[in-house]
Amino acid sequence: MTTYAEQVRKIREPRGDKIFMVFVYLLLIVFLSVILFPLIYIVASSFSDPEAVSSGRVILWPVDFTLRGYEAALSNPQVIQGYLNTVFYTVVGTLISVTLTIAIAYPMSRKTFVGRNVAMSVILFTMLFTGGLVPTYLVVQQLGMLDTRWALIIPQAIGVWQVIIARTYFRSAIPDELGDAAQLDGCSDLRFLWSVVIPLAKPMIAVVALTYAILQWNSYFDALIYLKNPDLFPLQLVLRNVLILNTFSGGAVDASLVLERQQLAELLKYSLIVVSSVPVLAIYPFVARYFTKGILIGAVKG
């Protein structure tokens, strides 16, 4: 007796479909190569001898393996301070952003909230039309947040896209009947939100938290315009100084070591890129299992 799987295998695909699939796979391989080559080159260069990096002998594999770049990067106080600052901005900023996003999105997902459509229209308006750089800078200045850590957290605390995702998720995944049943049992709104809604919304919260964390981790422009104190600089701003301005200072300057320092500075660029990317790459696998479910429910049913 022929099984269903065997019957499916016997169905011959048209030649046009086979040619199209080959073309698709070839195109994907080209795109994958374009994306992977720079990443592999950066990792290989970060583990190579500075002279090999400067002479262009590194392509896809480390040449004269060494950890000098990482030793120099992690022994520099600017990098360590920048790393600690970035961790603070990412953790505190993400907690504040997720809390505010839930506080805004959940009431607007309930039909009993009067004026929710008007409030949502106002929020959408800010996504289409922003005040611009100068007005935003003046607001931050008037609030007394210039050259403080809060200048990097508060102005970017709420993202409209994240609010839309959260509101859509709450509206589709949390039925009104569940809230009505909780009220009949004497549950308050805050208790219902904390004990019922948030546990059911873990996939969405994981997605929103990941997007906020990535934005905070990679952010450097706000620090560039709001901060003057080097002790508050995030890692990305330190990395920018090394990559663009080449202002890295790793020790005493000696004329006889100029060439070696230039080669080491070139190696440091690749080492710092890897060091700054590892935390995000390490977190993503733990959130990936929530990502597809959270992003689809939040986006498709809007």
Protein backbone atom coordinates (compact mmCIF):
# COMPACT_ATOMS: atom_id res chain seq x y z
CA MET A 1 0.00 0.00 0.00
CA THR A 2 1.39 3.35 -1.04
CA THR A 3 1.69 5.86 1.78
CA TYR A 4 0.83 9.53 1.47
CA ALA A 5 4.51 10.54 1.75
CA GLU A 6 5.43 8.19 -1.11
CA GLN A 7 2.62 9.60 -3.23
CA VAL A 8 3.89 13.12 -2.60
CA ARG A 9 7.44 12.13 -3.60
CA LYS A 10 6.11 10.63 -6.86
CA ILE A 11 4.61 13.98 -7.90
CA ARG A 12 7.15 15.47 -10.28
CA GLU A 13 7.91 19.14 -9.99
CA PRO A 14 7.72 21.12 -13.24
CA ARG A 15 11.09 22.01 -14.73
CA GLY A 16 10.32 25.70 -14.37
CA ASP A 17 9.85 25.30 -10.61
CA LYS A 18 13.15 23.44 -10.29
CA ILE A 19 15.02 26.15 -12.22
CA PHE A 20 13.37 28.84 -10.11
CA MET A 21 14.34 27.09 -6.86
CA VAL A 22 17.95 26.72 -8.05
CA PHE A 23 17.98 30.44 -8.85
CA VAL A 24 16.55 31.24 -5.39
CA TYR A 25 19.17 29.09 -3.64
CA LEU A 26 21.99 30.65 -5.64
CA LEU A 27 20.69 34.12 -4.81
CA LEU A 28 20.49 33.24 -1.11
CA ILE A 29 24.03 31.86 -1.18
CA VAL A 30 25.26 35.13 -2.72
CA PHE A 31 23.45 37.22 -0.08
CA LEU A 32 24.73 34.95 2.70
CA SER A 33 28.28 35.28 1.41
CA VAL A 34 28.00 39.06 1.23
CA ILE A 35 26.80 39.16 4.85
CA LEU A 36 29.16 36.54 6.27
CA PHE A 37 32.39 37.63 4.59
CA PRO A 38 32.80 40.93 6.50
CA LEU A 39 31.93 39.20 9.79
CA ILE A 40 34.44 36.38 9.25
CA TYR A 41 37.08 38.87 8.09
CA ILE A 42 36.63 41.00 11.23
CA VAL A 43 36.84 37.97 13.55
CA ALA A 44 39.89 36.59 11.70
CA SER A 45 41.63 39.98 11.77
CA SER A 46 40.97 40.39 15.51
CA PHE A 47 42.95 37.19 16.21
CA SER A 48 45.79 37.95 13.75
CA ASP A 49 49.18 39.57 14.17
CA PRO A 50 49.00 43.40 13.72
CA GLU A 51 51.61 43.30 10.96
CA ALA A 52 49.58 40.71 9.02
CA VAL A 53 46.45 42.85 9.38
CA SER A 54 48.23 46.01 8.21
CA SER A 55 49.81 44.24 5.23
CA GLY A 56 46.46 42.82 4.12
CA ARG A 57 47.45 39.15 4.46
CA VAL A 58 44.33 38.27 6.47
CA ILE A 59 41.29 37.12 4.49
CA LEU A 60 39.15 34.44 6.16
CA TRP A 61 41.50 32.85 8.69
CA PRO A 62 43.74 34.31 11.43
CA VAL A 63 47.40 34.78 10.42
CA ASP A 64 49.98 34.36 13.22
CA PHE A 65 47.31 33.86 15.88
CA THR A 66 47.51 36.33 18.78
CA LEU A 67 45.28 37.86 21.48
CA ARG A 68 47.15 41.18 21.61
CA GLY A 69 44.15 43.11 20.32
CA TYR A 70 41.83 41.79 23.03
CA GLU A 71 44.48 42.20 25.74
CA ALA A 72 45.02 45.84 24.73
CA ALA A 73 41.30 46.52 24.41
CA LEU A 74 40.29 44.95 27.73
CA SER A 75 43.23 46.51 29.61
CA ASN A 76 42.30 50.04 28.55
CA PRO A 77 40.22 51.96 31.13
CA GLN A 78 38.28 53.79 28.39
CA VAL A 79 36.95 50.51 27.03
CA ILE A 80 36.14 49.05 30.45
CA GLN A 81 34.34 52.23 31.52
CA GLY A 82 32.49 52.36 28.21
CA TYR A 83 31.48 48.73 28.61
CA LEU A 84 30.10 49.31 32.12
CA ASN A 85 28.27 52.43 30.97
CA THR A 86 26.70 50.59 28.04
CA VAL A 87 25.56 47.74 30.29
CA PHE A 88 23.94 50.31 32.63
CA TYR A 89 22.23 52.15 29.77
CA THR A 90 21.00 48.88 28.25
CA VAL A 91 19.69 47.26 31.45
CA VAL A 92 18.12 50.35 33.05
CA GLY A 93 16.90 51.76 29.75
CA THR A 94 15.28 48.48 28.73
CA LEU A 95 13.53 48.07 32.08
CA ILE A 96 12.14 51.61 31.92
CA SER A 97 11.14 51.29 28.26
CA VAL A 98 9.36 47.95 28.70
CA THR A 99 7.53 49.20 31.81
CA LEU A 100 6.33 52.38 30.06
CA THR A 101 5.39 50.51 26.89
CA ILE A 102 3.20 48.04 28.83
CA ALA A 103 1.70 50.88 30.86
CA ILE A 104 0.67 52.67 27.65
CA ALA A 105 -0.24 49.70 25.46
CA TYR A 106 -2.40 47.69 27.86
CA PRO A 107 -5.02 50.40 28.67
CA MET A 108 -5.32 51.23 24.97
CA SER A 109 -6.00 47.58 24.18
CA ARG A 110 -9.12 47.55 26.40
CA LYS A 111 -12.47 48.58 24.96
CA THR A 112 -13.46 50.18 28.26
CA PHE A 113 -10.68 52.80 28.00
CA VAL A 114 -12.36 56.03 26.86
CA GLY A 115 -10.47 57.97 24.20
CA ARG A 116 -8.09 55.15 23.29
CA ASN A 117 -8.42 55.84 19.55
CA VAL A 118 -7.59 59.52 20.04
CA ALA A 119 -4.62 58.66 22.25
CA MET A 120 -3.37 56.14 19.70
CA SER A 121 -3.70 58.72 16.92
CA VAL A 122 -1.56 61.14 18.91
CA ILE A 123 1.09 58.45 19.43
CA LEU A 124 1.08 57.57 15.72
CA PHE A 125 1.44 61.26 14.87
CA THR A 126 4.76 61.34 16.73
CA MET A 127 5.99 58.44 14.61
CA LEU A 128 5.29 60.32 11.37
CA PHE A 129 6.31 63.83 12.48
CA THR A 130 9.10 64.43 14.99
CA GLY A 131 10.24 67.68 16.54
CA GLY A 132 13.71 67.45 15.05
CA LEU A 133 17.19 67.52 16.54
CA VAL A 134 17.32 71.13 17.79
CA PRO A 135 13.92 71.16 19.59
CA THR A 136 14.72 67.79 21.16
CA TYR A 137 18.10 69.07 22.33
CA LEU A 138 16.46 72.18 23.84
CA VAL A 139 13.91 70.03 25.70
CA VAL A 140 16.67 67.82 27.12
CA GLN A 141 18.59 70.96 28.12
CA GLN A 142 15.56 72.56 29.82
CA LEU A 143 14.95 69.35 31.76
CA GLY A 144 18.52 69.51 33.10
CA MET A 145 19.54 66.18 31.64
CA LEU A 146 22.52 67.37 29.58
CA ASP A 147 25.73 65.50 30.42
CA THR A 148 23.83 63.01 32.60
CA ARG A 149 23.03 59.33 32.12
CA TRP A 150 19.31 60.11 31.87
CA ALA A 151 19.85 61.97 28.60
CA LEU A 152 20.47 58.61 26.95
CA ILE A 153 17.53 56.83 28.60
CA ILE A 154 14.51 59.13 29.00
CA PRO A 155 14.22 60.75 25.51
CA GLN A 156 14.27 57.33 23.83
CA ALA A 157 12.27 55.51 26.50
CA ILE A 158 9.16 54.84 24.38
CA GLY A 159 9.09 53.51 20.86
CA VAL A 160 5.88 53.86 18.84
CA TRP A 161 6.49 50.62 16.95
CA GLN A 162 6.90 48.71 20.22
CA VAL A 163 3.69 50.27 21.61
CA ILE A 164 1.77 49.13 18.52
CA ILE A 165 3.14 45.59 18.82
CA ALA A 166 2.28 45.41 22.54
CA ARG A 167 -1.22 46.88 22.13
CA THR A 168 -2.05 44.47 19.30
CA TYR A 169 -0.76 41.52 21.32
CA PHE A 170 -2.80 42.45 24.40
CA ARG A 171 -5.92 42.99 22.29
CA SER A 172 -5.63 39.65 20.50
CA ALA A 173 -4.20 37.40 23.24
CA ILE A 174 -6.01 38.72 26.35
CA PRO A 175 -9.81 38.40 25.92
CA ASP A 176 -12.08 40.87 27.68
CA GLU A 177 -13.93 37.95 29.29
CA LEU A 178 -10.77 37.08 31.23
CA GLY A 179 -10.68 40.55 32.74
CA ASP A 180 -14.39 40.41 33.54
CA ALA A 181 -13.95 37.07 35.34
CA ALA A 182 -11.03 38.48 37.33
CA GLN A 183 -13.11 41.51 38.38
CA LEU A 184 -15.92 39.25 39.57
CA ASP A 185 -13.37 37.51 41.79
CA GLY A 186 -12.36 40.86 43.29
CA CYS A 187 -9.09 41.27 41.37
CA SER A 188 -7.94 44.86 40.85
CA ASP A 189 -6.67 46.14 37.50
CA LEU A 190 -3.05 46.30 38.65
CA ARG A 191 -3.22 42.80 40.15
CA PHE A 192 -4.79 41.48 36.94
CA LEU A 193 -2.06 43.15 34.86
CA TRP A 194 0.77 41.80 37.05
CA SER A 195 -0.57 38.30 37.80
CA VAL A 196 -2.40 37.42 34.57
CA VAL A 197 -1.54 39.69 31.65
CA ILE A 198 2.25 39.88 31.99
CA PRO A 199 2.78 36.10 32.42
CA LEU A 200 0.64 35.47 29.31
CA ALA A 201 2.54 38.11 27.33
CA LYS A 202 6.07 36.75 27.83
CA PRO A 203 6.74 36.21 24.07
CA MET A 204 5.75 39.79 23.25
CA ILE A 205 7.67 41.23 26.22
CA ALA A 206 10.78 39.29 25.16
CA VAL A 207 10.56 40.72 21.63
CA VAL A 208 9.98 44.28 22.82
CA ALA A 209 12.78 44.01 25.41
CA LEU A 210 15.18 42.67 22.77
CA THR A 211 14.46 45.54 20.37
CA TYR A 212 14.90 48.15 23.12
CA ALA A 213 18.11 46.47 24.34
CA ILE A 214 19.62 46.39 20.84
CA LEU A 215 18.75 50.05 20.26
CA GLN A 216 20.35 51.04 23.57
CA TRP A 217 23.42 48.87 23.01
CA ASN A 218 24.13 50.26 19.53
CA SER A 219 23.18 53.86 20.28
CA TYR A 220 25.96 56.44 20.12
CA PHE A 221 24.49 59.55 18.42
CA ASP A 222 22.58 60.67 21.52
CA ALA A 223 25.76 60.32 23.58
CA LEU A 224 27.62 62.32 20.95
CA ILE A 225 25.33 65.35 21.27
CA TYR A 226 24.27 65.13 24.94
CA LEU A 227 27.44 64.02 26.75
CA LYS A 228 30.73 65.82 27.34
CA ASN A 229 32.06 63.83 30.30
CA PRO A 230 34.20 60.92 28.97
CA ASP A 231 33.33 58.90 32.09
CA LEU A 232 29.72 58.68 30.83
CA PHE A 233 30.55 57.66 27.26
CA PRO A 234 29.00 54.35 26.14
CA LEU A 235 31.13 51.71 24.47
CA GLN A 236 29.87 52.61 21.00
CA LEU A 237 31.14 56.18 21.37
CA VAL A 238 34.54 54.89 22.53
CA LEU A 239 34.51 52.55 19.53
CA ARG A 240 33.63 55.45 17.24
CA ASN A 241 36.59 57.45 18.53
CA VAL A 242 38.88 54.53 17.80
CA LEU A 243 37.40 53.82 14.36
CA ILE A 244 36.98 57.38 13.04
CA LEU A 245 39.00 59.77 15.15
CA ASN A 246 41.72 57.29 16.15
CA THR A 247 42.01 58.88 19.60
CA PHE A 248 42.70 55.65 21.44
CA SER A 249 45.35 56.20 24.12
CA GLY A 250 46.76 52.95 25.47
CA GLY A 251 49.96 54.10 27.16
CA ALA A 252 53.02 56.31 26.86
CA VAL A 253 53.85 57.69 23.40
CA ASP A 254 57.30 56.83 22.03
CA ALA A 255 58.52 57.88 18.59
CA SER A 256 60.27 54.56 18.06
CA LEU A 257 56.98 52.73 18.59
CA VAL A 258 54.86 54.77 16.16
CA LEU A 259 54.66 52.03 13.55
CA GLU A 260 53.85 49.37 16.12
CA ARG A 261 51.18 51.59 17.66
CA GLN A 262 49.60 52.22 14.27
CA GLN A 263 49.45 48.50 13.61
CA LEU A 264 48.04 47.87 17.08
CA ALA A 265 45.41 50.59 16.56
CA GLU A 266 44.36 48.83 13.35
CA LEU A 267 44.07 45.55 15.24
CA LEU A 268 42.13 47.21 18.05
CA LYS A 269 39.41 48.27 15.64
CA TYR A 270 38.57 44.67 14.81
CA SER A 271 38.91 43.47 18.42
CA LEU A 272 36.57 46.20 19.68
CA ILE A 273 33.97 45.39 17.04
CA VAL A 274 33.93 41.77 18.22
CA VAL A 275 33.91 42.74 21.91
CA SER A 276 31.00 45.13 21.40
CA SER A 277 28.96 42.60 19.39
CA VAL A 278 29.37 39.50 21.58
CA PRO A 279 26.77 40.38 24.29
CA VAL A 280 23.96 40.92 21.77
CA LEU A 281 24.87 37.74 19.90
CA ALA A 282 24.93 35.84 23.22
CA ILE A 283 21.50 37.09 24.31
CA TYR A 284 19.69 36.48 21.02
CA PRO A 285 19.54 32.61 21.22
CA PHE A 286 17.70 32.83 24.56
CA VAL A 287 15.08 35.18 23.06
CA ALA A 288 14.85 33.56 19.61
CA ARG A 289 12.25 30.98 20.69
CA TYR A 290 9.89 33.83 21.64
CA PHE A 291 10.75 36.05 18.69
CA THR A 292 8.71 34.44 15.90
CA LYS A 293 5.59 33.93 18.03
CA GLY A 294 5.70 37.39 19.59
CA ILE A 295 6.40 39.34 16.43
CA LEU A 296 3.77 37.51 14.35
CA ILE A 297 0.93 37.84 16.85
CA GLY A 298 1.79 41.46 17.46
CA ALA A 299 2.04 42.36 13.79
CA VAL A 300 -0.42 40.25 11.78
CA LYS A 301 -3.55 40.77 13.85
CA GLY A 302 -3.18 44.55 14.01
